[in-house]
Amino acid sequence: MATTTQSLRMVFRNQAGRNVTMTLDNPRDDVTAAEIEAAMDLVIARNIFTSSGGDLATKQDIKIIDSTTNDLYDPPA
């Protein structure tokens, strides 16, 4: 049986120049790039998260990822 899921992947760049990725499962179907960018701007402006390379400094990338899983075997009960 195949199941399909979606996740929202937001990539920030920290003060050390390294990427920091945040992934959220099951984003709204009608979410827009502008809404996600605004949320990322808010995370940066309010310094909500930090990383081992310092504070999050800039937006790097946004992706919505569709994933399909095919379960090919279930052990007998």
Protein backbone atom coordinates (compact mmCIF):
# COMPACT_ATOMS: atom_id res chain seq x y z
CA MET A 1 0.00 0.00 0.00
CA ALA A 2 1.37 3.41 -0.95
CA THR A 3 1.10 6.45 1.29
CA THR A 4 1.99 9.99 0.27
CA THR A 5 3.09 12.70 2.68
CA GLN A 6 4.28 16.29 2.34
CA SER A 7 6.82 18.27 4.29
CA LEU A 8 7.93 21.88 4.21
CA ARG A 9 11.71 22.34 4.27
CA MET A 10 13.05 25.77 5.20
CA VAL A 11 16.79 26.35 4.95
CA PHE A 12 18.46 29.27 6.73
CA ARG A 13 22.09 30.38 6.69
CA ASN A 14 23.60 31.05 10.13
CA GLN A 15 26.26 33.56 11.16
CA ALA A 16 29.02 31.02 10.44
CA GLY A 17 27.78 30.66 6.86
CA ARG A 18 26.43 27.13 7.33
CA ASN A 19 22.96 25.92 6.41
CA VAL A 20 20.38 25.14 9.09
CA THR A 21 17.34 23.16 7.95
CA MET A 22 13.91 23.09 9.60
CA THR A 23 11.32 20.62 8.39
CA LEU A 24 7.60 20.74 9.16
CA ASP A 25 5.27 17.85 8.33
CA ASN A 26 1.95 18.29 6.54
CA PRO A 27 1.96 21.97 5.55
CA ARG A 28 -1.33 23.55 4.52
CA ASP A 29 -2.28 22.73 0.95
CA ASP A 30 -2.77 26.40 0.14
CA VAL A 31 0.35 27.82 1.82
CA THR A 32 2.14 30.36 -0.36
CA ALA A 33 5.82 31.17 -0.78
CA ALA A 34 5.10 34.69 0.49
CA GLU A 35 3.63 33.32 3.74
CA ILE A 36 6.60 31.03 4.29
CA GLU A 37 9.09 33.83 3.55
CA ALA A 38 7.28 36.10 6.02
CA ALA A 39 7.47 33.39 8.70
CA MET A 40 11.17 32.88 8.01
CA ASP A 41 11.77 36.65 8.22
CA LEU A 42 10.00 36.64 11.59
CA VAL A 43 12.16 33.77 12.87
CA ILE A 44 15.28 35.71 11.87
CA ALA A 45 14.09 39.11 13.15
CA ARG A 46 13.00 37.78 16.55
CA ASN A 47 16.04 35.53 16.88
CA ILE A 48 13.77 32.61 17.78
CA PHE A 49 16.33 29.86 17.09
CA THR A 50 20.07 29.65 17.31
CA SER A 51 22.50 27.03 16.05
CA SER A 52 26.00 25.83 16.78
CA GLY A 53 27.14 28.33 14.13
CA GLY A 54 25.35 31.26 15.76
CA ASP A 55 22.06 32.98 15.06
CA LEU A 56 20.10 32.43 11.87
CA ALA A 57 21.03 35.27 9.54
CA THR A 58 19.38 34.81 6.12
CA LYS A 59 16.90 32.69 4.16
CA GLN A 60 18.57 30.16 1.89
CA ASP A 61 15.85 27.93 0.40
CA ILE A 62 12.21 26.79 0.66
CA LYS A 63 10.84 23.50 -0.64
CA ILE A 64 7.66 21.49 -0.31
CA ILE A 65 8.59 17.84 -0.66
CA ASP A 66 6.15 15.09 -1.67
CA SER A 67 7.17 11.62 -0.50
CA THR A 68 5.54 8.34 -1.47
CA THR A 69 6.20 5.23 0.59
CA ASN A 70 5.37 1.79 -0.80
CA ASP A 71 4.98 -0.77 2.00
CA LEU A 72 5.81 -4.05 0.29
CA TYR A 73 5.71 -6.47 3.21
CA ASP A 74 3.83 -6.86 6.47
CA PRO A 75 4.91 -9.72 8.73
CA PRO A 76 2.20 -12.22 9.66
CA ALA A 77 0.44 -11.55 12.97
